[in-house]
């Protein structure tokens, strides 16, 4: 199993149950959250495309969050609009995503 496939499996297992800072709640089934961390994987060859970020929590626990990236996702690198392919492993990113019954869906990605 490749590294990206392993990371995706961890994301799906942990990311859907992990706890992060809750920003707003629009319904009982859909929750908006924002995380900040280091990009550990980007996959532009899948449909939907995927971004995976490792988040350091206050108690020195690391949380891996992976989200689907759609054509509606706003992606910024600095102050410039960007594509997911422009994001590199190791970049620091803020990701706002929706936690839905179907998985995590990125609404915006801002790379510093």
N, C-alpha and C. Protein backbone atom coordinates (compact mmCIF):
# COMPACT_ATOMS: atom_id res chain seq x y z
N UNK A 1 0.85 -1.18 0.00
CA UNK A 1 0.00 0.00 0.00
C UNK A 1 0.90 1.23 0.00
N UNK A 2 0.62 2.18 -0.88
CA UNK A 2 1.47 3.37 -0.98
C UNK A 2 1.26 4.29 0.22
N UNK A 3 2.20 5.24 0.39
CA UNK A 3 2.13 6.19 1.50
C UNK A 3 0.86 7.01 1.43
N UNK A 4 0.48 7.49 0.22
CA UNK A 4 -0.74 8.28 0.08
C UNK A 4 -1.98 7.46 0.43
N UNK A 5 -1.99 6.20 0.03
CA UNK A 5 -3.14 5.34 0.35
C UNK A 5 -3.22 5.10 1.86
N UNK A 6 -2.05 4.92 2.51
CA UNK A 6 -2.05 4.75 3.97
C UNK A 6 -2.55 6.00 4.66
N UNK A 7 -2.06 7.16 4.20
CA UNK A 7 -2.51 8.42 4.80
C UNK A 7 -4.01 8.62 4.60
N UNK A 8 -4.50 8.29 3.40
CA UNK A 8 -5.92 8.43 3.14
C UNK A 8 -6.73 7.52 4.05
N UNK A 9 -6.25 6.30 4.30
CA UNK A 9 -6.95 5.39 5.20
C UNK A 9 -6.97 5.93 6.62
N UNK A 10 -5.86 6.50 7.07
CA UNK A 10 -5.80 7.10 8.40
C UNK A 10 -6.75 8.28 8.49
N UNK A 11 -6.77 9.10 7.44
CA UNK A 11 -7.64 10.28 7.42
C UNK A 11 -9.10 9.86 7.52
N UNK A 12 -9.45 8.88 6.73
CA UNK A 12 -10.85 8.44 6.75
C UNK A 12 -11.21 7.84 8.10
N UNK A 13 -10.28 7.15 8.74
CA UNK A 13 -10.54 6.56 10.05
C UNK A 13 -10.55 7.60 11.15
N UNK A 14 -9.56 8.51 11.13
CA UNK A 14 -9.41 9.48 12.21
C UNK A 14 -10.11 10.80 11.93
N UNK A 15 -10.02 11.25 10.70
CA UNK A 15 -10.55 12.57 10.36
C UNK A 15 -12.05 12.68 10.56
N UNK A 16 -12.76 11.60 10.32
CA UNK A 16 -14.20 11.66 10.47
C UNK A 16 -14.63 11.63 11.93
N UNK A 17 -13.75 11.17 12.82
CA UNK A 17 -14.12 11.10 14.23
C UNK A 17 -13.33 12.07 15.09
N UNK A 18 -12.32 12.73 14.50
CA UNK A 18 -11.44 13.63 15.26
C UNK A 18 -12.15 14.88 15.74
N UNK A 19 -11.59 15.49 16.75
CA UNK A 19 -12.16 16.71 17.31
C UNK A 19 -11.23 17.87 17.00
N UNK A 20 -11.80 18.94 16.44
CA UNK A 20 -11.06 20.16 16.17
C UNK A 20 -11.93 21.33 16.61
N UNK A 21 -11.45 22.52 16.38
CA UNK A 21 -12.18 23.71 16.76
C UNK A 21 -13.44 23.85 15.92
N UNK A 22 -14.59 23.88 16.55
CA UNK A 22 -15.85 24.05 15.84
C UNK A 22 -16.11 25.53 15.61
N UNK A 23 -16.35 25.90 14.36
CA UNK A 23 -16.58 27.30 14.03
C UNK A 23 -18.06 27.61 14.08
N UNK A 24 -18.85 26.89 13.31
CA UNK A 24 -20.30 27.07 13.32
C UNK A 24 -20.95 25.72 13.09
N UNK A 25 -22.21 25.66 13.42
CA UNK A 25 -22.97 24.45 13.16
C UNK A 25 -24.22 24.85 12.39
N UNK A 26 -24.32 24.39 11.14
CA UNK A 26 -25.46 24.77 10.33
C UNK A 26 -26.62 23.79 10.46
N UNK A 27 -26.35 22.57 10.91
CA UNK A 27 -27.41 21.60 11.17
C UNK A 27 -26.82 20.47 11.99
N UNK A 28 -27.68 19.56 12.40
CA UNK A 28 -27.22 18.44 13.20
C UNK A 28 -26.33 17.51 12.38
N UNK A 29 -26.45 17.54 11.05
CA UNK A 29 -25.72 16.62 10.20
C UNK A 29 -24.50 17.24 9.55
N UNK A 30 -24.42 18.57 9.45
CA UNK A 30 -23.30 19.25 8.79
C UNK A 30 -22.68 20.25 9.74
N UNK A 31 -21.37 20.13 9.95
CA UNK A 31 -20.65 21.01 10.87
C UNK A 31 -19.48 21.63 10.13
N UNK A 32 -19.29 22.94 10.29
CA UNK A 32 -18.14 23.62 9.69
C UNK A 32 -17.02 23.68 10.72
N UNK A 33 -15.80 23.35 10.29
CA UNK A 33 -14.65 23.38 11.18
C UNK A 33 -13.47 23.99 10.43
N UNK A 34 -12.52 24.53 11.21
CA UNK A 34 -11.30 25.09 10.65
C UNK A 34 -10.12 24.49 11.39
N UNK A 35 -9.11 24.05 10.63
CA UNK A 35 -7.88 23.53 11.22
C UNK A 35 -6.69 24.23 10.59
N UNK A 36 -5.58 24.21 11.31
CA UNK A 36 -4.34 24.80 10.84
C UNK A 36 -3.24 23.79 11.04
N UNK A 37 -2.46 23.52 9.99
CA UNK A 37 -1.39 22.55 10.13
C UNK A 37 -0.52 22.45 8.91
N UNK A 38 0.29 21.41 8.87
CA UNK A 38 1.22 21.18 7.77
C UNK A 38 0.61 20.20 6.77
N UNK A 39 0.72 20.52 5.51
CA UNK A 39 0.22 19.64 4.45
C UNK A 39 1.12 18.41 4.39
N UNK A 40 0.51 17.22 4.48
CA UNK A 40 1.28 15.98 4.41
C UNK A 40 1.00 15.20 3.13
N UNK A 41 -0.07 15.56 2.41
CA UNK A 41 -0.36 14.90 1.14
C UNK A 41 -1.35 15.74 0.34
N UNK A 42 -1.17 15.70 -0.97
CA UNK A 42 -2.10 16.32 -1.91
C UNK A 42 -2.26 15.33 -3.05
N UNK A 43 -3.50 15.01 -3.42
CA UNK A 43 -3.72 14.10 -4.53
C UNK A 43 -4.64 14.76 -5.53
N UNK A 44 -4.07 15.19 -6.66
CA UNK A 44 -4.86 15.85 -7.70
C UNK A 44 -5.28 14.86 -8.78
N UNK A 45 -4.86 13.60 -8.66
CA UNK A 45 -5.17 12.59 -9.67
C UNK A 45 -6.42 11.77 -9.35
N UNK A 46 -7.11 12.11 -8.27
CA UNK A 46 -8.33 11.39 -7.91
C UNK A 46 -9.53 12.30 -8.13
N UNK A 47 -10.70 11.72 -8.14
CA UNK A 47 -11.93 12.50 -8.23
C UNK A 47 -12.84 12.05 -7.10
N UNK A 48 -13.03 12.85 -6.07
CA UNK A 48 -12.55 14.23 -5.92
C UNK A 48 -11.07 14.28 -5.51
N UNK A 49 -10.47 15.45 -5.74
CA UNK A 49 -9.10 15.66 -5.30
C UNK A 49 -9.09 15.71 -3.77
N UNK A 50 -7.91 15.43 -3.17
CA UNK A 50 -7.80 15.30 -1.71
C UNK A 50 -6.63 16.13 -1.20
N UNK A 51 -6.81 16.76 -0.03
CA UNK A 51 -5.71 17.38 0.70
C UNK A 51 -5.70 16.80 2.11
N UNK A 52 -4.50 16.53 2.64
CA UNK A 52 -4.35 15.96 3.97
C UNK A 52 -3.42 16.87 4.77
N UNK A 53 -3.87 17.25 5.97
CA UNK A 53 -3.10 18.15 6.84
C UNK A 53 -2.93 17.50 8.20
N UNK A 54 -1.72 17.64 8.77
CA UNK A 54 -1.45 17.15 10.12
C UNK A 54 -1.55 18.34 11.07
N UNK A 55 -2.41 18.22 12.06
CA UNK A 55 -2.70 19.30 13.00
C UNK A 55 -2.13 18.95 14.37
N UNK A 56 -1.37 19.86 14.97
CA UNK A 56 -0.84 19.66 16.32
C UNK A 56 -1.86 20.21 17.31
N UNK A 57 -2.37 19.33 18.16
CA UNK A 57 -3.33 19.74 19.19
C UNK A 57 -2.58 20.18 20.44
N UNK A 58 -3.21 20.94 21.33
CA UNK A 58 -2.53 21.48 22.52
C UNK A 58 -1.86 20.43 23.41
N UNK A 59 -2.41 19.23 23.49
CA UNK A 59 -1.86 18.20 24.38
C UNK A 59 -0.80 17.34 23.69
N UNK A 60 -0.14 17.90 22.67
CA UNK A 60 0.92 17.25 21.91
C UNK A 60 0.46 16.03 21.14
N UNK A 61 -0.84 15.92 20.91
CA UNK A 61 -1.40 14.87 20.08
C UNK A 61 -1.54 15.44 18.67
N UNK A 62 -1.22 14.62 17.67
CA UNK A 62 -1.37 15.05 16.30
C UNK A 62 -2.63 14.44 15.71
N UNK A 63 -3.35 15.26 14.96
CA UNK A 63 -4.58 14.84 14.30
C UNK A 63 -4.36 14.98 12.81
N UNK A 64 -4.72 13.96 12.05
CA UNK A 64 -4.62 14.00 10.60
C UNK A 64 -6.01 14.23 10.04
N UNK A 65 -6.13 15.30 9.22
CA UNK A 65 -7.42 15.66 8.64
C UNK A 65 -7.28 15.66 7.12
N UNK A 66 -8.14 14.94 6.47
CA UNK A 66 -8.16 14.91 5.00
C UNK A 66 -9.52 15.34 4.51
N UNK A 67 -9.54 16.15 3.45
CA UNK A 67 -10.80 16.64 2.94
C UNK A 67 -10.81 16.56 1.42
N UNK A 68 -11.99 16.34 0.88
CA UNK A 68 -12.19 16.39 -0.56
C UNK A 68 -12.15 17.84 -1.01
N UNK A 69 -11.56 18.07 -2.18
CA UNK A 69 -11.46 19.42 -2.74
C UNK A 69 -12.27 19.44 -4.03
N UNK A 70 -13.26 20.33 -4.08
CA UNK A 70 -14.11 20.42 -5.26
C UNK A 70 -13.77 21.66 -6.07
N UNK A 71 -14.45 21.83 -7.19
CA UNK A 71 -14.24 23.03 -8.01
C UNK A 71 -14.76 24.27 -7.30
N UNK A 72 -15.59 24.11 -6.28
CA UNK A 72 -16.13 25.24 -5.51
C UNK A 72 -15.21 25.66 -4.37
N UNK A 73 -14.18 24.87 -4.07
CA UNK A 73 -13.26 25.18 -2.98
C UNK A 73 -12.41 26.39 -3.35
N UNK A 74 -12.37 27.39 -2.45
CA UNK A 74 -11.52 28.56 -2.65
C UNK A 74 -10.12 28.21 -2.18
N UNK A 75 -9.12 28.38 -3.06
CA UNK A 75 -7.74 28.06 -2.71
C UNK A 75 -6.89 29.32 -2.91
N UNK A 76 -6.19 29.71 -1.85
CA UNK A 76 -5.32 30.89 -1.90
C UNK A 76 -3.92 30.49 -1.43
N UNK A 77 -2.91 31.00 -2.10
CA UNK A 77 -1.52 30.83 -1.68
C UNK A 77 -0.99 32.24 -1.48
N UNK A 78 -0.84 32.63 -0.21
CA UNK A 78 -0.57 34.02 0.10
C UNK A 78 -1.82 34.82 -0.23
N UNK A 79 -1.67 35.84 -1.07
CA UNK A 79 -2.82 36.66 -1.48
C UNK A 79 -3.28 36.34 -2.89
N UNK A 80 -2.72 35.28 -3.48
CA UNK A 80 -3.02 34.92 -4.86
C UNK A 80 -3.91 33.68 -4.92
N UNK A 81 -4.84 33.67 -5.86
CA UNK A 81 -5.64 32.48 -6.11
C UNK A 81 -4.71 31.38 -6.60
N UNK A 82 -5.00 30.15 -6.23
CA UNK A 82 -4.13 29.03 -6.59
C UNK A 82 -4.97 27.81 -6.92
N UNK A 83 -4.28 26.77 -7.38
CA UNK A 83 -4.90 25.47 -7.64
C UNK A 83 -4.35 24.49 -6.61
N UNK A 84 -5.02 23.40 -6.40
CA UNK A 84 -4.54 22.40 -5.45
C UNK A 84 -3.16 21.90 -5.86
N UNK A 85 -2.90 21.81 -7.15
CA UNK A 85 -1.60 21.35 -7.64
C UNK A 85 -0.46 22.29 -7.25
N UNK A 86 -0.78 23.54 -6.88
CA UNK A 86 0.24 24.51 -6.46
C UNK A 86 0.68 24.31 -5.01
N UNK A 87 -0.05 23.49 -4.27
CA UNK A 87 0.25 23.26 -2.86
C UNK A 87 1.22 22.10 -2.73
N UNK A 88 2.25 22.29 -1.91
CA UNK A 88 3.30 21.28 -1.74
C UNK A 88 3.25 20.69 -0.34
N UNK A 89 3.71 19.45 -0.22
CA UNK A 89 3.88 18.82 1.09
C UNK A 89 4.82 19.70 1.90
N UNK A 90 4.46 19.97 3.15
CA UNK A 90 5.26 20.82 4.03
C UNK A 90 4.72 22.23 4.14
N UNK A 91 3.88 22.67 3.19
CA UNK A 91 3.26 23.99 3.28
C UNK A 91 2.40 24.06 4.53
N UNK A 92 2.32 25.24 5.14
CA UNK A 92 1.43 25.47 6.27
C UNK A 92 0.10 25.97 5.71
N UNK A 93 -1.00 25.40 6.17
CA UNK A 93 -2.30 25.73 5.59
C UNK A 93 -3.40 25.81 6.64
N UNK A 94 -4.35 26.69 6.40
CA UNK A 94 -5.60 26.74 7.14
C UNK A 94 -6.66 26.16 6.21
N UNK A 95 -7.42 25.20 6.72
CA UNK A 95 -8.47 24.59 5.92
C UNK A 95 -9.78 24.72 6.67
N UNK A 96 -10.77 25.28 5.99
CA UNK A 96 -12.13 25.31 6.52
C UNK A 96 -12.90 24.27 5.72
N UNK A 97 -13.54 23.35 6.45
CA UNK A 97 -14.24 22.26 5.77
C UNK A 97 -15.59 22.01 6.43
N UNK A 98 -16.44 21.33 5.69
CA UNK A 98 -17.71 20.87 6.22
C UNK A 98 -17.58 19.39 6.57
N UNK A 99 -17.99 19.05 7.77
CA UNK A 99 -18.05 17.65 8.19
C UNK A 99 -19.48 17.19 7.92
N UNK A 100 -19.65 16.34 6.92
CA UNK A 100 -20.96 15.88 6.50
C UNK A 100 -21.06 14.37 6.66
N UNK A 101 -22.24 13.82 6.55
CA UNK A 101 -22.36 12.35 6.59
C UNK A 101 -21.58 11.67 5.47
N UNK A 102 -21.30 12.41 4.39
CA UNK A 102 -20.56 11.85 3.25
C UNK A 102 -19.05 12.03 3.37
N UNK A 103 -18.57 12.71 4.42
CA UNK A 103 -17.15 12.93 4.60
C UNK A 103 -16.82 14.40 4.79
N UNK A 104 -15.54 14.72 4.72
CA UNK A 104 -15.07 16.09 4.91
C UNK A 104 -14.91 16.75 3.54
N UNK A 105 -15.48 17.95 3.39
CA UNK A 105 -15.44 18.67 2.13
C UNK A 105 -14.84 20.05 2.37
N UNK A 106 -13.70 20.32 1.74
CA UNK A 106 -13.01 21.60 1.92
C UNK A 106 -13.82 22.72 1.29
N UNK A 107 -14.04 23.79 2.08
CA UNK A 107 -14.67 24.99 1.55
C UNK A 107 -13.61 26.00 1.13
N UNK A 108 -12.54 26.11 1.95
CA UNK A 108 -11.45 27.02 1.60
C UNK A 108 -10.13 26.48 2.13
N UNK A 109 -9.08 26.78 1.37
CA UNK A 109 -7.72 26.40 1.75
C UNK A 109 -6.87 27.65 1.59
N UNK A 110 -6.17 28.04 2.64
CA UNK A 110 -5.29 29.21 2.58
C UNK A 110 -3.90 28.76 3.00
N UNK A 111 -2.95 28.81 2.06
CA UNK A 111 -1.58 28.42 2.32
C UNK A 111 -0.78 29.68 2.60
N UNK A 112 0.03 29.64 3.69
CA UNK A 112 0.86 30.78 4.04
C UNK A 112 2.22 30.67 3.42
